[in-house]
PDB file of N, CA and C in Angstrom:
ATOM      1  N   MET A   1      19.819  64.611 -19.901  1.00  0.00           N
ATOM      2  CA  MET A   1      21.131  64.785 -20.494  1.00  0.00           C
ATOM      3  C   MET A   1      21.693  63.454 -20.975  1.00  0.00           C
ATOM      4  N   HIS A   2      21.469  62.396 -20.186  1.00  0.00           N
ATOM      5  CA  HIS A   2      21.972  61.082 -20.562  1.00  0.00           C
ATOM      6  C   HIS A   2      21.305  60.595 -21.847  1.00  0.00           C
ATOM      7  N   ASN A   3      20.012  60.879 -21.997  1.00  0.00           N
ATOM      8  CA  ASN A   3      19.284  60.468 -23.190  1.00  0.00           C
ATOM      9  C   ASN A   3      19.811  61.198 -24.425  1.00  0.00           C
ATOM     10  N   LEU A   4      20.132  62.467 -24.291  1.00  0.00           N
ATOM     11  CA  LEU A   4      20.689  63.231 -25.400  1.00  0.00           C
ATOM     12  C   LEU A   4      22.043  62.673 -25.820  1.00  0.00           C
ATOM     13  N   MET A   5      22.857  62.297 -24.848  1.00  0.00           N
ATOM     14  CA  MET A   5      24.175  61.733 -25.145  1.00  0.00           C
ATOM     15  C   MET A   5      24.047  60.420 -25.903  1.00  0.00           C
ATOM     16  N   ASN A   6      23.094  59.575 -25.511  1.00  0.00           N
ATOM     17  CA  ASN A   6      22.855  58.327 -26.236  1.00  0.00           C
ATOM     18  C   ASN A   6      22.428  58.605 -27.668  1.00  0.00           C
ATOM     19  N   PHE A   7      21.567  59.602 -27.859  1.00  0.00           N
ATOM     20  CA  PHE A   7      21.102  59.945 -29.197  1.00  0.00           C
ATOM     21  C   PHE A   7      22.256  60.420 -30.073  1.00  0.00           C
ATOM     22  N   VAL A   8      23.119  61.270 -29.538  1.00  0.00           N
ATOM     23  CA  VAL A   8      24.243  61.811 -30.314  1.00  0.00           C
ATOM     24  C   VAL A   8      25.232  60.713 -30.676  1.00  0.00           C
ATOM     25  N   THR A   9      25.560  59.838 -29.719  1.00  0.00           N
ATOM     26  CA  THR A   9      26.509  58.766 -30.019  1.00  0.00           C
ATOM     27  C   THR A   9      25.934  57.789 -31.033  1.00  0.00           C
ATOM     28  N   LEU A  10      24.639  57.503 -30.944  1.00  0.00           N
ATOM     29  CA  LEU A  10      24.004  56.629 -31.924  1.00  0.00           C
ATOM     30  C   LEU A  10      23.983  57.288 -33.299  1.00  0.00           C
ATOM     31  N   PHE A  11      23.733  58.576 -33.364  1.00  0.00           N
ATOM     32  CA  PHE A  11      23.738  59.301 -34.632  1.00  0.00           C
ATOM     33  C   PHE A  11      25.113  59.238 -35.285  1.00  0.00           C
ATOM     34  N   ILE A  12      26.159  59.480 -34.506  1.00  0.00           N
ATOM     35  CA  ILE A  12      27.515  59.432 -35.055  1.00  0.00           C
ATOM     36  C   ILE A  12      27.856  58.009 -35.488  1.00  0.00           C
ATOM     37  N   PHE A  13      27.394  57.001 -34.735  1.00  0.00           N
ATOM     38  CA  PHE A  13      27.638  55.611 -35.101  1.00  0.00           C
ATOM     39  C   PHE A  13      26.994  55.277 -36.444  1.00  0.00           C
ATOM     40  N   VAL A  14      25.742  55.669 -36.625  1.00  0.00           N
ATOM     41  CA  VAL A  14      25.048  55.392 -37.885  1.00  0.00           C
ATOM     42  C   VAL A  14      25.709  56.145 -39.037  1.00  0.00           C
ATOM     43  N   TYR A  15      26.105  57.381 -38.807  1.00  0.00           N
ATOM     44  CA  TYR A  15      26.808  58.161 -39.824  1.00  0.00           C
ATOM     45  C   TYR A  15      28.125  57.491 -40.201  1.00  0.00           C
ATOM     46  N   SER A  16      28.820  56.955 -39.214  1.00  0.00           N
ATOM     47  CA  SER A  16      30.075  56.251 -39.467  1.00  0.00           C
ATOM     48  C   SER A  16      29.837  54.972 -40.257  1.00  0.00           C
ATOM     49  N   LEU A  17      28.771  54.258 -39.925  1.00  0.00           N
ATOM     50  CA  LEU A  17      28.437  53.054 -40.688  1.00  0.00           C
ATOM     51  C   LEU A  17      28.152  53.385 -42.147  1.00  0.00           C
ATOM     52  N   LEU A  18      27.395  54.435 -42.381  1.00  0.00           N
ATOM     53  CA  LEU A  18      27.087  54.816 -43.765  1.00  0.00           C
ATOM     54  C   LEU A  18      28.348  55.214 -44.526  1.00  0.00           C
ATOM     55  N   GLY A  19      29.241  55.938 -43.884  1.00  0.00           N
ATOM     56  CA  GLY A  19      30.496  56.318 -44.526  1.00  0.00           C
ATOM     57  C   GLY A  19      31.363  55.114 -44.843  1.00  0.00           C
ATOM     58  N   THR A  20      31.387  54.126 -43.935  1.00  0.00           N
ATOM     59  CA  THR A  20      32.169  52.913 -44.164  1.00  0.00           C
ATOM     60  C   THR A  20      31.561  52.074 -45.273  1.00  0.00           C
ATOM     61  N   ILE A  21      30.245  51.989 -45.321  1.00  0.00           N
ATOM     62  CA  ILE A  21      29.579  51.251 -46.399  1.00  0.00           C
ATOM     63  C   ILE A  21      29.866  51.910 -47.741  1.00  0.00           C
ATOM     64  N   LYS A  22      29.858  53.234 -47.795  1.00  0.00           N
ATOM     65  CA  LYS A  22      30.192  53.947 -49.022  1.00  0.00           C
ATOM     66  C   LYS A  22      31.627  53.666 -49.447  1.00  0.00           C
ATOM     67  N   LEU A  23      32.551  53.620 -48.488  1.00  0.00           N
ATOM     68  CA  LEU A  23      33.949  53.311 -48.776  1.00  0.00           C
ATOM     69  C   LEU A  23      34.084  51.902 -49.352  1.00  0.00           C
ATOM     70  N   ILE A  24      33.416  50.929 -48.749  1.00  0.00           N
ATOM     71  CA  ILE A  24      33.477  49.550 -49.227  1.00  0.00           C
ATOM     72  C   ILE A  24      32.880  49.451 -50.624  1.00  0.00           C
ATOM     73  N   PHE A  25      31.750  50.117 -50.861  1.00  0.00           N
ATOM     74  CA  PHE A  25      31.123  50.089 -52.179  1.00  0.00           C
ATOM     75  C   PHE A  25      32.036  50.712 -53.236  1.00  0.00           C
ATOM     76  N   SER A  26      32.690  51.813 -52.900  1.00  0.00           N
ATOM     77  CA  SER A  26      33.609  52.454 -53.843  1.00  0.00           C
ATOM     78  C   SER A  26      34.791  51.547 -54.163  1.00  0.00           C
ATOM     79  N   PHE A  27      35.301  50.859 -53.154  1.00  0.00           N
ATOM     80  CA  PHE A  27      36.418  49.944 -53.357  1.00  0.00           C
ATOM     81  C   PHE A  27      36.019  48.793 -54.272  1.00  0.00           C
ATOM     82  N   ILE A  28      34.861  48.205 -54.020  1.00  0.00           N
ATOM     83  CA  ILE A  28      34.401  47.081 -54.837  1.00  0.00           C
ATOM     84  C   ILE A  28      34.113  47.527 -56.259  1.00  0.00           C
ATOM     85  N   SER A  29      33.507  48.696 -56.428  1.00  0.00           N
ATOM     86  CA  SER A  29      33.217  49.165 -57.786  1.00  0.00           C
ATOM     87  C   SER A  29      34.501  49.494 -58.547  1.00  0.00           C
ATOM     88  N   ALA A  30      35.544  49.967 -57.858  1.00  0.00           N
ATOM     89  CA  ALA A  30      36.822  50.217 -58.519  1.00  0.00           C
ATOM     90  C   ALA A  30      37.483  48.907 -58.928  1.00  0.00           C
ATOM     91  N   MET A  31      37.312  47.875 -58.106  1.00  0.00           N
ATOM     92  CA  MET A  31      37.887  46.571 -58.427  1.00  0.00           C
ATOM     93  C   MET A  31      37.170  45.891 -59.574  1.00  0.00           C
ATOM     94  N   MET A  32      35.856  46.043 -59.630  1.00  0.00           N
ATOM     95  CA  MET A  32      35.055  45.327 -60.620  1.00  0.00           C
ATOM     96  C   MET A  32      34.953  46.039 -61.966  1.00  0.00           C
ATOM     97  N   SER A  33      35.427  47.271 -62.055  1.00  0.00           N
ATOM     98  CA  SER A  33      35.329  47.983 -63.328  1.00  0.00           C
ATOM     99  C   SER A  33      36.258  47.336 -64.351  1.00  0.00           C
ATOM    100  N   THR A  34      35.901  47.496 -65.622  1.00  0.00           N
ATOM    101  CA  THR A  34      36.698  46.917 -66.698  1.00  0.00           C
ATOM    102  C   THR A  34      37.297  48.034 -67.510  1.00  0.00           C
ATOM    103  N   PRO A  35      38.570  48.187 -67.572  1.00  0.00           N
ATOM    104  CA  PRO A  35      39.608  47.542 -66.758  1.00  0.00           C
ATOM    105  C   PRO A  35      39.587  48.109 -65.346  1.00  0.00           C
ATOM    106  N   PRO A  36      40.123  47.353 -64.399  1.00  0.00           N
ATOM    107  CA  PRO A  36      40.131  47.846 -63.010  1.00  0.00           C
ATOM    108  C   PRO A  36      40.880  49.166 -62.900  1.00  0.00           C
ATOM    109  N   LYS A  37      40.284  50.107 -62.198  1.00  0.00           N
ATOM    110  CA  LYS A  37      40.936  51.406 -62.026  1.00  0.00           C
ATOM    111  C   LYS A  37      41.492  51.501 -60.608  1.00  0.00           C
ATOM    112  N   PRO A  38      42.530  52.288 -60.415  1.00  0.00           N
ATOM    113  CA  PRO A  38      43.112  52.400 -59.076  1.00  0.00           C
ATOM    114  C   PRO A  38      42.133  53.035 -58.090  1.00  0.00           C
ATOM    115  N   PHE A  39      42.174  52.540 -56.881  1.00  0.00           N
ATOM    116  CA  PHE A  39      41.347  53.088 -55.810  1.00  0.00           C
ATOM    117  C   PHE A  39      42.185  54.118 -55.078  1.00  0.00           C
ATOM    118  N   GLU A  40      41.896  55.378 -55.310  1.00  0.00           N
ATOM    119  CA  GLU A  40      42.701  56.454 -54.750  1.00  0.00           C
ATOM    120  C   GLU A  40      41.870  57.286 -53.781  1.00  0.00           C
ATOM    121  N   LEU A  41      42.484  57.606 -52.651  1.00  0.00           N
ATOM    122  CA  LEU A  41      41.858  58.461 -51.646  1.00  0.00           C
ATOM    123  C   LEU A  41      42.779  59.632 -51.354  1.00  0.00           C
ATOM    124  N   THR A  42      42.186  60.788 -51.106  1.00  0.00           N
ATOM    125  CA  THR A  42      42.983  61.938 -50.685  1.00  0.00           C
ATOM    126  C   THR A  42      43.345  61.772 -49.204  1.00  0.00           C
ATOM    127  N   ASN A  43      44.235  62.611 -48.733  1.00  0.00           N
ATOM    128  CA  ASN A  43      44.628  62.543 -47.317  1.00  0.00           C
ATOM    129  C   ASN A  43      43.443  62.803 -46.395  1.00  0.00           C
ATOM    130  N   ILE A  44      42.604  63.749 -46.764  1.00  0.00           N
ATOM    131  CA  ILE A  44      41.420  64.062 -45.939  1.00  0.00           C
ATOM    132  C   ILE A  44      40.474  62.867 -45.906  1.00  0.00           C
ATOM    133  N   GLN A  45      40.252  62.215 -47.042  1.00  0.00           N
ATOM    134  CA  GLN A  45      39.379  61.042 -47.088  1.00  0.00           C
ATOM    135  C   GLN A  45      39.932  59.903 -46.236  1.00  0.00           C
ATOM    136  N   MET A  46      41.244  59.714 -46.247  1.00  0.00           N
ATOM    137  CA  MET A  46      41.844  58.664 -45.426  1.00  0.00           C
ATOM    138  C   MET A  46      41.659  58.959 -43.936  1.00  0.00           C
ATOM    139  N   ILE A  47      41.809  60.211 -43.544  1.00  0.00           N
ATOM    140  CA  ILE A  47      41.643  60.589 -42.140  1.00  0.00           C
ATOM    141  C   ILE A  47      40.192  60.400 -41.706  1.00  0.00           C
ATOM    142  N   VAL A  48      39.257  60.841 -42.536  1.00  0.00           N
ATOM    143  CA  VAL A  48      37.833  60.721 -42.198  1.00  0.00           C
ATOM    144  C   VAL A  48      37.417  59.252 -42.128  1.00  0.00           C
ATOM    145  N   ASN A  49      37.833  58.447 -43.110  1.00  0.00           N
ATOM    146  CA  ASN A  49      37.480  57.031 -43.097  1.00  0.00           C
ATOM    147  C   ASN A  49      38.132  56.301 -41.926  1.00  0.00           C
ATOM    148  N   GLY A  50      39.351  56.674 -41.577  1.00  0.00           N
ATOM    149  CA  GLY A  50      39.984  56.098 -40.393  1.00  0.00           C
ATOM    150  C   GLY A  50      39.227  56.459 -39.129  1.00  0.00           C
ATOM    151  N   GLY A  51      38.740  57.692 -39.060  1.00  0.00           N
ATOM    152  CA  GLY A  51      37.909  58.102 -37.923  1.00  0.00           C
ATOM    153  C   GLY A  51      36.608  57.320 -37.857  1.00  0.00           C
ATOM    154  N   PHE A  52      35.992  57.092 -39.020  1.00  0.00           N
ATOM    155  CA  PHE A  52      34.762  56.291 -39.069  1.00  0.00           C
ATOM    156  C   PHE A  52      35.005  54.902 -38.491  1.00  0.00           C
ATOM    157  N   ILE A  53      36.046  54.253 -38.986  1.00  0.00           N
ATOM    158  CA  ILE A  53      36.310  52.871 -38.581  1.00  0.00           C
ATOM    159  C   ILE A  53      36.695  52.804 -37.107  1.00  0.00           C
ATOM    160  N   SER A  54      37.509  53.735 -36.649  1.00  0.00           N
ATOM    161  CA  SER A  54      37.897  53.715 -35.238  1.00  0.00           C
ATOM    162  C   SER A  54      36.696  54.002 -34.334  1.00  0.00           C
ATOM    163  N   TYR A  55      35.784  54.869 -34.751  1.00  0.00           N
ATOM    164  CA  TYR A  55      34.597  55.139 -33.940  1.00  0.00           C
ATOM    165  C   TYR A  55      33.695  53.913 -33.875  1.00  0.00           C
ATOM    166  N   ILE A  56      33.544  53.206 -34.990  1.00  0.00           N
ATOM    167  CA  ILE A  56      32.717  51.994 -35.001  1.00  0.00           C
ATOM    168  C   ILE A  56      33.292  50.962 -34.038  1.00  0.00           C
ATOM    169  N   ILE A  57      34.599  50.746 -34.103  1.00  0.00           N
ATOM    170  CA  ILE A  57      35.240  49.776 -33.205  1.00  0.00           C
ATOM    171  C   ILE A  57      35.075  50.206 -31.746  1.00  0.00           C
ATOM    172  N   THR A  58      35.288  51.483 -31.464  1.00  0.00           N
ATOM    173  CA  THR A  58      35.164  51.981 -30.098  1.00  0.00           C
ATOM    174  C   THR A  58      33.735  51.847 -29.586  1.00  0.00           C
ATOM    175  N   TYR A  59      32.754  52.144 -30.424  1.00  0.00           N
ATOM    176  CA  TYR A  59      31.346  52.049 -30.025  1.00  0.00           C
ATOM    177  C   TYR A  59      30.971  50.602 -29.721  1.00  0.00           C
ATOM    178  N   ILE A  60      31.443  49.675 -30.539  1.00  0.00           N
ATOM    179  CA  ILE A  60      31.135  48.258 -30.315  1.00  0.00           C
ATOM    180  C   ILE A  60      31.787  47.774 -29.020  1.00  0.00           C
ATOM    181  N   ILE A  61      33.031  48.176 -28.776  1.00  0.00           N
ATOM    182  CA  ILE A  61      33.700  47.797 -27.518  1.00  0.00           C
ATOM    183  C   ILE A  61      32.929  48.368 -26.330  1.00  0.00           C
ATOM    184  N   TYR A  62      32.484  49.615 -26.448  1.00  0.00           N
ATOM    185  CA  TYR A  62      31.715  50.248 -25.365  1.00  0.00           C
ATOM    186  C   TYR A  62      30.411  49.503 -25.097  1.00  0.00           C
ATOM    187  N   LEU A  63      29.739  49.022 -26.159  1.00  0.00           N
ATOM    188  CA  LEU A  63      28.478  48.314 -25.964  1.00  0.00           C
ATOM    189  C   LEU A  63      28.678  47.005 -25.226  1.00  0.00           C
ATOM    190  N   PHE A  64      29.783  46.317 -25.479  1.00  0.00           N
ATOM    191  CA  PHE A  64      30.003  45.009 -24.856  1.00  0.00           C
ATOM    192  C   PHE A  64      30.708  45.074 -23.511  1.00  0.00           C
ATOM    193  N   SER A  65      31.109  46.266 -23.089  1.00  0.00           N
ATOM    194  CA  SER A  65      31.802  46.350 -21.789  1.00  0.00           C
ATOM    195  C   SER A  65      30.832  46.687 -20.664  1.00  0.00           C
TER     196      SER A  65
END
């Protein structure tokens, strides 16, 4: 059971990293476009991305404690 829990938490961590990398790439591409276009997120996207970032921070704190 403990091994399964480690696998699930690692899976969610990697999924969160990929979502955050996609967010950063979208932000940079919006900034670098000519002319720069506004970077707009829906409410659902903001909630999901906030969850990604908070999970990454929590996972890192858990690893170092």
